Amino acid sequence: MNLKVTYHDPCHLNRGQGIKEEPREILNNIKGVEFIEMEKPDQCCGAGGGVRAAKPEIAFGLGKKKSRNG
């Protein structure tokens, strides 16, 4: 493989369970994968906590902004 990847911190995993470094360690240990940290990996993506269901227009905007963050 010869891939460049980034990673988004899911709110529940990062804030709720305190798991932040472990996924990065895994990505950094995959042969042929270059991990590139995104600008704001823990910024809301709009998909969790019921945001997408309750406020889809806000969720869409947040997701769009997040996708340009990588």
PDB file of N, CA and C in Angstrom:
ATOM      1  N   MET A   1       0.840  -1.186   0.000  1.00  0.00           N
ATOM      2  CA  MET A   1       0.000   0.000   0.000  1.00  0.00           C
ATOM      3  C   MET A   1       0.882   1.244   0.000  1.00  0.00           C
ATOM      4  N   ASN A   2       0.333   2.286  -0.525  1.00  0.00           N
ATOM      5  CA  ASN A   2       0.967   3.590  -0.493  1.00  0.00           C
ATOM      6  C   ASN A   2      -0.153   4.615  -0.331  1.00  0.00           C
ATOM      7  N   LEU A   3      -0.583   4.801   0.915  1.00  0.00           N
ATOM      8  CA  LEU A   3      -1.747   5.639   1.184  1.00  0.00           C
ATOM      9  C   LEU A   3      -1.428   6.764   2.157  1.00  0.00           C
ATOM     10  N   LYS A   4      -2.064   7.902   1.945  1.00  0.00           N
ATOM     11  CA  LYS A   4      -2.057   8.982   2.920  1.00  0.00           C
ATOM     12  C   LYS A   4      -3.428   8.969   3.572  1.00  0.00           C
ATOM     13  N   VAL A   5      -3.454   8.955   4.903  1.00  0.00           N
ATOM     14  CA  VAL A   5      -4.725   8.912   5.624  1.00  0.00           C
ATOM     15  C   VAL A   5      -4.738   9.955   6.722  1.00  0.00           C
ATOM     16  N   THR A   6      -5.932  10.322   7.141  1.00  0.00           N
ATOM     17  CA  THR A   6      -6.112  11.184   8.297  1.00  0.00           C
ATOM     18  C   THR A   6      -7.130  10.513   9.203  1.00  0.00           C
ATOM     19  N   TYR A   7      -7.407  11.131  10.331  1.00  0.00           N
ATOM     20  CA  TYR A   7      -8.302  10.503  11.298  1.00  0.00           C
ATOM     21  C   TYR A   7      -9.134  11.567  12.004  1.00  0.00           C
ATOM     22  N   HIS A   8     -10.406  11.310  12.114  1.00  0.00           N
ATOM     23  CA  HIS A   8     -11.349  12.157  12.849  1.00  0.00           C
ATOM     24  C   HIS A   8     -11.584  11.531  14.214  1.00  0.00           C
ATOM     25  N   ASP A   9     -11.474  12.317  15.272  1.00  0.00           N
ATOM     26  CA  ASP A   9     -11.759  11.815  16.619  1.00  0.00           C
ATOM     27  C   ASP A   9     -13.265  11.802  16.864  1.00  0.00           C
ATOM     28  N   PRO A  10     -13.888  10.619  16.908  1.00  0.00           N
ATOM     29  CA  PRO A  10     -15.309  10.576  17.249  1.00  0.00           C
ATOM     30  C   PRO A  10     -15.514  11.105  18.671  1.00  0.00           C
ATOM     31  N   CYS A  11     -16.499  11.951  18.857  1.00  0.00           N
ATOM     32  CA  CYS A  11     -16.721  12.591  20.157  1.00  0.00           C
ATOM     33  C   CYS A  11     -16.835  11.587  21.301  1.00  0.00           C
ATOM     34  N   HIS A  12     -17.628  10.547  21.109  1.00  0.00           N
ATOM     35  CA  HIS A  12     -17.849   9.576  22.185  1.00  0.00           C
ATOM     36  C   HIS A  12     -16.548   8.867  22.547  1.00  0.00           C
ATOM     37  N   LEU A  13     -15.758   8.521  21.540  1.00  0.00           N
ATOM     38  CA  LEU A  13     -14.507   7.817  21.790  1.00  0.00           C
ATOM     39  C   LEU A  13     -13.489   8.731  22.469  1.00  0.00           C
ATOM     40  N   ASN A  14     -13.334   9.943  21.952  1.00  0.00           N
ATOM     41  CA  ASN A  14     -12.335  10.872  22.472  1.00  0.00           C
ATOM     42  C   ASN A  14     -12.772  11.502  23.794  1.00  0.00           C
ATOM     43  N   ARG A  15     -13.882  12.189  23.778  1.00  0.00           N
ATOM     44  CA  ARG A  15     -14.322  12.910  24.984  1.00  0.00           C
ATOM     45  C   ARG A  15     -14.939  11.984  26.021  1.00  0.00           C
ATOM     46  N   GLY A  16     -15.711  11.026  25.560  1.00  0.00           N
ATOM     47  CA  GLY A  16     -16.397  10.131  26.483  1.00  0.00           C
ATOM     48  C   GLY A  16     -15.514   9.071  27.096  1.00  0.00           C
ATOM     49  N   GLN A  17     -14.649   8.470  26.278  1.00  0.00           N
ATOM     50  CA  GLN A  17     -13.826   7.364  26.758  1.00  0.00           C
ATOM     51  C   GLN A  17     -12.346   7.715  26.874  1.00  0.00           C
ATOM     52  N   GLY A  18     -11.975   8.903  26.443  1.00  0.00           N
ATOM     53  CA  GLY A  18     -10.583   9.333  26.570  1.00  0.00           C
ATOM     54  C   GLY A  18      -9.615   8.612  25.648  1.00  0.00           C
ATOM     55  N   ILE A  19     -10.134   8.054  24.560  1.00  0.00           N
ATOM     56  CA  ILE A  19      -9.271   7.327  23.615  1.00  0.00           C
ATOM     57  C   ILE A  19      -8.929   8.263  22.467  1.00  0.00           C
ATOM     58  N   LYS A  20      -7.667   8.680  22.416  1.00  0.00           N
ATOM     59  CA  LYS A  20      -7.242   9.610  21.383  1.00  0.00           C
ATOM     60  C   LYS A  20      -5.982   9.123  20.667  1.00  0.00           C
ATOM     61  N   GLU A  21      -4.992   8.699  21.399  1.00  0.00           N
ATOM     62  CA  GLU A  21      -3.703   8.328  20.801  1.00  0.00           C
ATOM     63  C   GLU A  21      -3.696   6.935  20.176  1.00  0.00           C
ATOM     64  N   GLU A  22      -4.477   6.033  20.717  1.00  0.00           N
ATOM     65  CA  GLU A  22      -4.450   4.649  20.253  1.00  0.00           C
ATOM     66  C   GLU A  22      -4.749   4.488  18.764  1.00  0.00           C
ATOM     67  N   PRO A  23      -5.797   5.145  18.227  1.00  0.00           N
ATOM     68  CA  PRO A  23      -6.043   5.008  16.785  1.00  0.00           C
ATOM     69  C   PRO A  23      -4.878   5.543  15.945  1.00  0.00           C
ATOM     70  N   ARG A  24      -4.237   6.595  16.410  1.00  0.00           N
ATOM     71  CA  ARG A  24      -3.087   7.163  15.697  1.00  0.00           C
ATOM     72  C   ARG A  24      -1.902   6.201  15.713  1.00  0.00           C
ATOM     73  N   GLU A  25      -1.707   5.553  16.854  1.00  0.00           N
ATOM     74  CA  GLU A  25      -0.623   4.566  16.947  1.00  0.00           C
ATOM     75  C   GLU A  25      -0.853   3.431  15.952  1.00  0.00           C
ATOM     76  N   ILE A  26      -2.081   2.982  15.854  1.00  0.00           N
ATOM     77  CA  ILE A  26      -2.403   1.904  14.904  1.00  0.00           C
ATOM     78  C   ILE A  26      -2.113   2.371  13.481  1.00  0.00           C
ATOM     79  N   LEU A  27      -2.613   3.545  13.116  1.00  0.00           N
ATOM     80  CA  LEU A  27      -2.398   4.054  11.757  1.00  0.00           C
ATOM     81  C   LEU A  27      -0.914   4.246  11.457  1.00  0.00           C
ATOM     82  N   ASN A  28      -0.154   4.723  12.428  1.00  0.00           N
ATOM     83  CA  ASN A  28       1.280   4.937  12.232  1.00  0.00           C
ATOM     84  C   ASN A  28       2.062   3.638  12.116  1.00  0.00           C
ATOM     85  N   ASN A  29       1.456   2.527  12.512  1.00  0.00           N
ATOM     86  CA  ASN A  29       2.144   1.235  12.454  1.00  0.00           C
ATOM     87  C   ASN A  29       1.721   0.365  11.281  1.00  0.00           C
ATOM     88  N   ILE A  30       0.905   0.882  10.392  1.00  0.00           N
ATOM     89  CA  ILE A  30       0.506   0.128   9.210  1.00  0.00           C
ATOM     90  C   ILE A  30       1.499   0.427   8.097  1.00  0.00           C
ATOM     91  N   LYS A  31       2.143  -0.607   7.631  1.00  0.00           N
ATOM     92  CA  LYS A  31       3.136  -0.456   6.564  1.00  0.00           C
ATOM     93  C   LYS A  31       2.475   0.106   5.303  1.00  0.00           C
ATOM     94  N   GLY A  32       3.098   1.135   4.741  1.00  0.00           N
ATOM     95  CA  GLY A  32       2.592   1.729   3.510  1.00  0.00           C
ATOM     96  C   GLY A  32       1.562   2.816   3.722  1.00  0.00           C
ATOM     97  N   VAL A  33       1.299   3.149   4.998  1.00  0.00           N
ATOM     98  CA  VAL A  33       0.320   4.198   5.308  1.00  0.00           C
ATOM     99  C   VAL A  33       1.051   5.386   5.919  1.00  0.00           C
ATOM    100  N   GLU A  34       0.813   6.557   5.349  1.00  0.00           N
ATOM    101  CA  GLU A  34       1.349   7.794   5.909  1.00  0.00           C
ATOM    102  C   GLU A  34       0.201   8.522   6.598  1.00  0.00           C
ATOM    103  N   PHE A  35       0.293   8.619   7.916  1.00  0.00           N
ATOM    104  CA  PHE A  35      -0.748   9.290   8.690  1.00  0.00           C
ATOM    105  C   PHE A  35      -0.460  10.780   8.719  1.00  0.00           C
ATOM    106  N   ILE A  36      -1.457  11.579   8.350  1.00  0.00           N
ATOM    107  CA  ILE A  36      -1.350  13.033   8.363  1.00  0.00           C
ATOM    108  C   ILE A  36      -2.452  13.563   9.280  1.00  0.00           C
ATOM    109  N   GLU A  37      -2.045  14.231  10.347  1.00  0.00           N
ATOM    110  CA  GLU A  37      -3.021  14.770  11.303  1.00  0.00           C
ATOM    111  C   GLU A  37      -3.814  15.895  10.650  1.00  0.00           C
ATOM    112  N   MET A  38      -5.140  15.835  10.776  1.00  0.00           N
ATOM    113  CA  MET A  38      -5.959  16.914  10.238  1.00  0.00           C
ATOM    114  C   MET A  38      -5.875  18.124  11.159  1.00  0.00           C
ATOM    115  N   GLU A  39      -6.286  19.269  10.653  1.00  0.00           N
ATOM    116  CA  GLU A  39      -6.153  20.533  11.376  1.00  0.00           C
ATOM    117  C   GLU A  39      -6.858  20.517  12.735  1.00  0.00           C
ATOM    118  N   LYS A  40      -8.095  20.075  12.762  1.00  0.00           N
ATOM    119  CA  LYS A  40      -8.872  20.046  14.010  1.00  0.00           C
ATOM    120  C   LYS A  40      -9.561  18.688  14.126  1.00  0.00           C
ATOM    121  N   PRO A  41      -8.820  17.647  14.522  1.00  0.00           N
ATOM    122  CA  PRO A  41      -9.393  16.302  14.528  1.00  0.00           C
ATOM    123  C   PRO A  41     -10.544  16.099  15.504  1.00  0.00           C
ATOM    124  N   ASP A  42     -10.630  16.941  16.536  1.00  0.00           N
ATOM    125  CA  ASP A  42     -11.699  16.759  17.515  1.00  0.00           C
ATOM    126  C   ASP A  42     -12.840  17.761  17.351  1.00  0.00           C
ATOM    127  N   GLN A  43     -12.863  18.481  16.235  1.00  0.00           N
ATOM    128  CA  GLN A  43     -13.960  19.411  15.944  1.00  0.00           C
ATOM    129  C   GLN A  43     -15.209  18.605  15.574  1.00  0.00           C
ATOM    130  N   CYS A  44     -16.365  19.082  15.976  1.00  0.00           N
ATOM    131  CA  CYS A  44     -17.623  18.394  15.709  1.00  0.00           C
ATOM    132  C   CYS A  44     -17.835  18.163  14.214  1.00  0.00           C
ATOM    133  N   CYS A  45     -18.307  16.949  13.878  1.00  0.00           N
ATOM    134  CA  CYS A  45     -18.599  16.614  12.484  1.00  0.00           C
ATOM    135  C   CYS A  45     -20.098  16.685  12.196  1.00  0.00           C
ATOM    136  N   GLY A  46     -20.917  16.822  13.252  1.00  0.00           N
ATOM    137  CA  GLY A  46     -22.355  16.946  13.080  1.00  0.00           C
ATOM    138  C   GLY A  46     -23.111  15.626  13.033  1.00  0.00           C
ATOM    139  N   ALA A  47     -22.420  14.509  13.164  1.00  0.00           N
ATOM    140  CA  ALA A  47     -23.092  13.220  13.014  1.00  0.00           C
ATOM    141  C   ALA A  47     -23.482  12.561  14.333  1.00  0.00           C
ATOM    142  N   GLY A  48     -22.975  13.025  15.438  1.00  0.00           N
ATOM    143  CA  GLY A  48     -23.229  12.350  16.706  1.00  0.00           C
ATOM    144  C   GLY A  48     -24.206  13.085  17.596  1.00  0.00           C
ATOM    145  N   GLY A  49     -24.545  12.442  18.689  1.00  0.00           N
ATOM    146  CA  GLY A  49     -25.367  13.068  19.712  1.00  0.00           C
ATOM    147  C   GLY A  49     -26.746  13.500  19.258  1.00  0.00           C
ATOM    148  N   GLY A  50     -27.251  12.929  18.195  1.00  0.00           N
ATOM    149  CA  GLY A  50     -28.584  13.272  17.709  1.00  0.00           C
ATOM    150  C   GLY A  50     -28.639  14.540  16.874  1.00  0.00           C
ATOM    151  N   VAL A  51     -27.502  15.170  16.625  1.00  0.00           N
ATOM    152  CA  VAL A  51     -27.478  16.410  15.842  1.00  0.00           C
ATOM    153  C   VAL A  51     -28.027  16.173  14.445  1.00  0.00           C
ATOM    154  N   ARG A  52     -27.578  15.102  13.807  1.00  0.00           N
ATOM    155  CA  ARG A  52     -28.023  14.834  12.427  1.00  0.00           C
ATOM    156  C   ARG A  52     -29.525  14.609  12.361  1.00  0.00           C
ATOM    157  N   ALA A  53     -30.077  13.941  13.363  1.00  0.00           N
ATOM    158  CA  ALA A  53     -31.521  13.669  13.352  1.00  0.00           C
ATOM    159  C   ALA A  53     -32.340  14.912  13.700  1.00  0.00           C
ATOM    160  N   ALA A  54     -31.870  15.680  14.672  1.00  0.00           N
ATOM    161  CA  ALA A  54     -32.637  16.831  15.141  1.00  0.00           C
ATOM    162  C   ALA A  54     -32.448  18.076  14.281  1.00  0.00           C
ATOM    163  N   LYS A  55     -31.256  18.278  13.785  1.00  0.00           N
ATOM    164  CA  LYS A  55     -30.930  19.492  13.029  1.00  0.00           C
ATOM    165  C   LYS A  55     -30.112  19.139  11.787  1.00  0.00           C
ATOM    166  N   PRO A  56     -30.706  18.480  10.805  1.00  0.00           N
ATOM    167  CA  PRO A  56     -29.942  18.009   9.648  1.00  0.00           C
ATOM    168  C   PRO A  56     -29.224  19.115   8.887  1.00  0.00           C
ATOM    169  N   GLU A  57     -29.820  20.317   8.819  1.00  0.00           N
ATOM    170  CA  GLU A  57     -29.167  21.408   8.090  1.00  0.00           C
ATOM    171  C   GLU A  57     -27.890  21.859   8.794  1.00  0.00           C
ATOM    172  N   ILE A  58     -27.895  21.874  10.116  1.00  0.00           N
ATOM    173  CA  ILE A  58     -26.697  22.215  10.880  1.00  0.00           C
ATOM    174  C   ILE A  58     -25.666  21.101  10.752  1.00  0.00           C
ATOM    175  N   ALA A  59     -26.122  19.845  10.864  1.00  0.00           N
ATOM    176  CA  ALA A  59     -25.230  18.698  10.751  1.00  0.00           C
ATOM    177  C   ALA A  59     -24.531  18.675   9.394  1.00  0.00           C
ATOM    178  N   PHE A  60     -25.272  18.973   8.329  1.00  0.00           N
ATOM    179  CA  PHE A  60     -24.684  18.985   6.991  1.00  0.00           C
ATOM    180  C   PHE A  60     -23.578  20.033   6.904  1.00  0.00           C
ATOM    181  N   GLY A  61     -23.838  21.218   7.434  1.00  0.00           N
ATOM    182  CA  GLY A  61     -22.839  22.286   7.417  1.00  0.00           C
ATOM    183  C   GLY A  61     -21.600  21.927   8.215  1.00  0.00           C
ATOM    184  N   LEU A  62     -21.804  21.319   9.384  1.00  0.00           N
ATOM    185  CA  LEU A  62     -20.674  20.897  10.204  1.00  0.00           C
ATOM    186  C   LEU A  62     -19.847  19.819   9.503  1.00  0.00           C
ATOM    187  N   GLY A  63     -20.536  18.863   8.896  1.00  0.00           N
ATOM    188  CA  GLY A  63     -19.845  17.787   8.177  1.00  0.00           C
ATOM    189  C   GLY A  63     -19.055  18.307   6.991  1.00  0.00           C
ATOM    190  N   LYS A  64     -19.636  19.245   6.275  1.00  0.00           N
ATOM    191  CA  LYS A  64     -18.959  19.834   5.124  1.00  0.00           C
ATOM    192  C   LYS A  64     -17.695  20.571   5.562  1.00  0.00           C
ATOM    193  N   LYS A  65     -17.811  21.337   6.641  1.00  0.00           N
ATOM    194  CA  LYS A  65     -16.656  22.069   7.174  1.00  0.00           C
ATOM    195  C   LYS A  65     -15.585  21.085   7.645  1.00  0.00           C
ATOM    196  N   LYS A  66     -15.990  20.021   8.302  1.00  0.00           N
ATOM    197  CA  LYS A  66     -15.054  19.012   8.820  1.00  0.00           C
ATOM    198  C   LYS A  66     -14.307  18.323   7.682  1.00  0.00           C
ATOM    199  N   SER A  67     -15.003  18.042   6.588  1.00  0.00           N
ATOM    200  CA  SER A  67     -14.368  17.333   5.465  1.00  0.00           C
ATOM    201  C   SER A  67     -13.282  18.164   4.803  1.00  0.00           C
ATOM    202  N   ARG A  68     -13.353  19.468   4.932  1.00  0.00           N
ATOM    203  CA  ARG A  68     -12.312  20.337   4.373  1.00  0.00           C
ATOM    204  C   ARG A  68     -11.138  20.512   5.328  1.00  0.00           C
ATOM    205  N   ASN A  69     -11.248  19.924   6.491  1.00  0.00           N
ATOM    206  CA  ASN A  69     -10.282  20.043   7.572  1.00  0.00           C
ATOM    207  C   ASN A  69      -9.098  19.093   7.408  1.00  0.00           C
ATOM    208  N   GLY A  70      -9.213  18.134   6.513  1.00  0.00           N
ATOM    209  CA  GLY A  70      -8.228  17.075   6.400  1.00  0.00           C
ATOM    210  C   GLY A  70      -7.053  17.367   5.624  1.00  0.00           C
TER     211      GLY A  70
END
